[in-house]
Protein backbone atom coordinates (compact mmCIF):
# COMPACT_ATOMS: atom_id res chain seq x y z
CA MET A 1 35.17 6.39 -29.42
CA THR A 2 37.31 7.25 -26.46
CA VAL A 3 36.17 9.70 -23.82
CA HIS A 4 37.59 11.60 -20.85
CA GLU A 5 36.25 11.06 -17.35
CA SER A 6 34.16 14.21 -17.92
CA GLY A 7 32.35 12.48 -20.79
CA ALA A 8 33.98 14.67 -23.45
CA PRO A 9 35.26 12.82 -26.52
CA SER A 10 39.03 12.42 -26.75
CA GLY A 11 39.27 10.42 -29.97
CA PHE A 12 37.21 8.72 -32.65
CA ARG A 13 37.51 6.65 -35.81
CA TRP A 14 36.00 7.76 -39.13
CA ARG A 15 36.52 6.19 -42.56
CA GLY A 16 39.24 3.96 -41.22
CA ARG A 17 41.26 6.82 -39.72
CA ARG A 18 41.85 7.52 -36.07
CA TYR A 19 41.31 11.17 -35.01
CA GLU A 20 42.59 12.69 -31.79
CA VAL A 21 40.61 15.56 -30.30
CA GLN A 22 42.83 18.60 -29.95
CA GLU A 23 40.24 20.92 -28.41
CA VAL A 24 36.58 20.93 -27.41
CA LEU A 25 35.14 24.07 -29.02
CA ALA A 26 31.59 23.83 -27.64
CA CYS A 27 29.06 21.43 -26.19
CA TRP A 28 25.28 21.59 -25.89
CA VAL A 29 22.14 19.48 -25.55
CA GLU A 30 19.68 19.06 -28.44
CA ALA A 31 16.16 17.68 -28.38
CA THR A 32 15.85 14.87 -30.90
CA LEU A 33 12.75 14.18 -32.96
CA TRP A 34 10.69 11.98 -30.65
CA TRP A 35 8.97 10.12 -33.49
CA ARG A 36 12.36 8.88 -34.70
CA GLU A 37 13.00 7.49 -31.25
CA LEU A 38 9.74 5.48 -30.99
CA GLY A 39 10.53 1.88 -30.24
CA SER A 40 14.09 2.62 -29.16
CA ALA A 41 15.25 1.88 -25.64
CA GLY A 42 14.43 4.63 -23.19
CA SER A 43 12.09 6.60 -25.43
CA ASN A 44 8.98 6.11 -23.24
CA GLY A 45 7.04 8.23 -25.73
CA ARG A 46 8.84 11.40 -24.61
CA ALA A 47 11.16 13.71 -26.46
CA ALA A 48 14.71 12.38 -26.33
CA HIS A 49 17.84 14.48 -25.96
CA ARG A 50 21.38 14.10 -27.15
CA ASP A 51 24.63 15.67 -26.01
CA VAL A 52 26.58 17.28 -28.85
CA TRP A 53 30.28 18.13 -28.80
CA ARG A 54 31.98 20.36 -31.39
CA VAL A 55 35.64 19.43 -31.46
CA GLU A 56 38.77 20.21 -33.41
CA ALA A 57 40.51 16.95 -34.26
CA VAL A 58 43.44 15.73 -36.33
CA SER A 59 44.23 12.34 -37.86
CA ARG A 60 47.65 10.68 -37.78
CA THR A 61 48.10 11.71 -41.43
CA GLY A 62 47.60 15.37 -40.50
CA THR A 63 44.03 15.75 -41.78
CA SER A 64 42.26 18.16 -39.45
CA GLY A 65 38.83 19.68 -39.16
CA VAL A 66 35.95 20.56 -36.91
CA TYR A 67 33.55 17.72 -36.09
CA ASP A 68 30.18 17.61 -34.34
CA LEU A 69 29.84 14.38 -32.36
CA ALA A 70 26.64 13.34 -30.58
CA VAL A 71 25.91 10.73 -27.93
CA VAL A 72 22.61 9.20 -26.84
CA ALA A 73 22.63 6.36 -24.33
CA ASP A 74 26.36 5.68 -24.91
CA ALA A 75 25.90 5.44 -28.70
CA TRP A 76 28.07 7.98 -30.56
CA GLN A 77 27.61 9.34 -34.06
CA LEU A 78 29.31 11.88 -36.29
CA LEU A 79 26.78 14.60 -37.19
CA ARG A 80 28.72 17.23 -39.13
CA ILE A 81 32.17 17.95 -40.52
CA SER A 82 33.65 21.40 -41.21
CA ASP A 83 37.03 22.07 -42.79
């Protein structure tokens, strides 16, 4: 995952392909399910939150789509894909 100074994602890798973010469509904060976070670093028994970014991105082969990317404590994951 590569990010801008603002913290917004600028590129990511999925299924062996590199995707470049063309546009950030939205960003928001979601509360995660605290019981899934038990035992993880920083949970402290409280509800955790994650930052979510909805982006339009394109691969080098021209495959494009809308992707929801989330980050918690510098760990990124791909949540959703829309064509």
